Protein backbone atom coordinates (compact mmCIF):
# COMPACT_ATOMS: atom_id res chain seq x y z
CA MET A 1 -20.87 37.91 11.96
CA LYS A 2 -17.38 37.49 13.35
CA ASN A 3 -18.41 34.55 15.53
CA SER A 4 -20.00 32.75 12.61
CA ARG A 5 -16.74 32.98 10.65
CA ASN A 6 -14.84 31.46 13.56
CA ILE A 7 -17.36 28.64 13.82
CA VAL A 8 -17.02 27.91 10.11
CA LYS A 9 -13.21 27.93 10.39
CA GLN A 10 -13.32 25.60 13.39
CA LYS A 11 -15.53 23.14 11.52
CA LEU A 12 -13.64 23.38 8.23
CA LEU A 13 -10.01 23.31 9.38
CA PRO A 14 -10.04 19.80 10.92
CA LEU A 15 -11.50 18.49 7.68
CA LEU A 16 -8.81 20.21 5.63
CA SER A 17 -6.02 18.95 7.88
CA ASN A 18 -7.25 15.37 7.43
CA LEU A 19 -7.95 15.78 3.72
CA HIS A 20 -5.06 13.55 2.65
CA ILE A 21 -6.33 10.74 4.89
CA ILE A 22 -9.86 11.08 3.54
CA THR A 23 -8.56 11.20 -0.04
CA LEU A 24 -6.41 8.09 0.43
CA ARG A 25 -9.31 6.22 2.01
CA TRP A 26 -11.62 7.01 -0.90
CA ALA A 27 -8.87 6.22 -3.42
CA LYS A 28 -8.41 2.79 -1.82
CA ARG A 29 -12.16 2.17 -1.91
CA LEU A 30 -12.32 3.19 -5.56
CA LEU A 31 -9.35 0.97 -6.41
CA ILE A 32 -10.88 -2.03 -4.64
CA THR A 33 -14.18 -1.43 -6.45
CA CYS A 34 -12.42 -1.24 -9.83
CA ILE A 35 -10.48 -4.44 -9.11
CA ALA A 36 -13.69 -6.23 -8.08
CA ILE A 37 -15.50 -5.10 -11.24
CA THR A 38 -12.54 -6.16 -13.38
CA LEU A 39 -12.43 -9.59 -11.75
CA MET A 40 -16.17 -10.07 -12.19
CA SER A 41 -15.98 -9.13 -15.86
CA THR A 42 -13.02 -11.50 -16.27
CA VAL A 43 -15.02 -14.35 -14.77
CA PHE A 44 -18.03 -13.58 -16.96
CA HIS A 45 -16.09 -13.27 -20.21
CA TRP A 46 -13.48 -15.94 -19.61
CA SER A 47 -13.52 -18.98 -17.43
CA ALA A 48 -12.95 -19.05 -13.70
CA GLY A 49 -9.70 -20.97 -14.20
CA ILE A 50 -8.06 -18.10 -16.05
CA CYS A 51 -9.22 -15.67 -13.37
CA LEU A 52 -7.80 -17.88 -10.62
CA ALA A 53 -4.53 -18.26 -12.54
CA ILE A 54 -4.22 -14.47 -12.76
CA ILE A 55 -4.88 -14.10 -9.03
CA VAL A 56 -2.41 -16.85 -8.10
CA GLY A 57 0.20 -15.34 -10.41
CA PHE A 58 -0.25 -11.95 -8.80
CA LEU A 59 0.06 -13.41 -5.29
CA LEU A 60 3.13 -15.42 -6.30
CA ILE A 61 4.87 -12.38 -7.75
CA ARG A 62 3.98 -10.35 -4.66
CA SER A 63 5.39 -13.00 -2.31
CA LEU A 64 8.59 -13.28 -4.38
CA ILE A 65 9.07 -9.51 -4.24
CA ARG A 66 8.62 -9.59 -0.45
CA LEU A 67 11.10 -12.47 -0.15
CA VAL A 68 13.74 -10.67 -2.22
CA PHE A 69 13.21 -7.47 -0.24
CA ARG A 70 13.67 -9.32 3.07
CA MET A 71 16.81 -11.05 1.77
CA ILE A 72 18.29 -7.70 0.73
CA ILE A 73 17.57 -6.24 4.17
CA THR A 74 19.16 -9.30 5.82
CA LEU A 75 22.28 -8.95 3.67
CA ILE A 76 22.53 -5.26 4.55
CA TYR A 77 22.29 -6.11 8.27
CA ILE A 78 25.01 -8.76 7.91
CA LEU A 79 27.27 -6.30 6.09
CA LEU A 80 26.71 -3.68 8.78
CA ILE A 81 27.50 -6.17 11.55
CA LEU A 82 30.69 -7.23 9.75
CA LEU A 83 31.67 -3.59 9.31
CA ILE A 84 31.10 -2.86 13.00
CA VAL A 85 33.07 -5.95 14.06
CA SER A 86 35.95 -5.06 11.73
CA LEU A 87 36.03 -1.51 13.11
CA ILE A 88 36.10 -2.83 16.67
CA LEU A 89 38.94 -5.25 15.91
CA LEU A 90 41.03 -2.57 14.23
């Protein structure tokens, strides 16, 4: 009886330790499925042009957000370099 409990614990604990990974993987799959169903219903109810415009708009906004984020990081690096140089010169 005691050995069977240990076997169950050994099989169950690795699954519980990776539960967040499994949950995130299934959440991503569910999200992708929902997006695909939404896009298909958009194409069926509206025209393909509107669907493509929505997709292009989303990609454009995403690329602009990435660009702004990279510019902010670059400015922070420049400010840090200037701060280090000014501290060295003082």
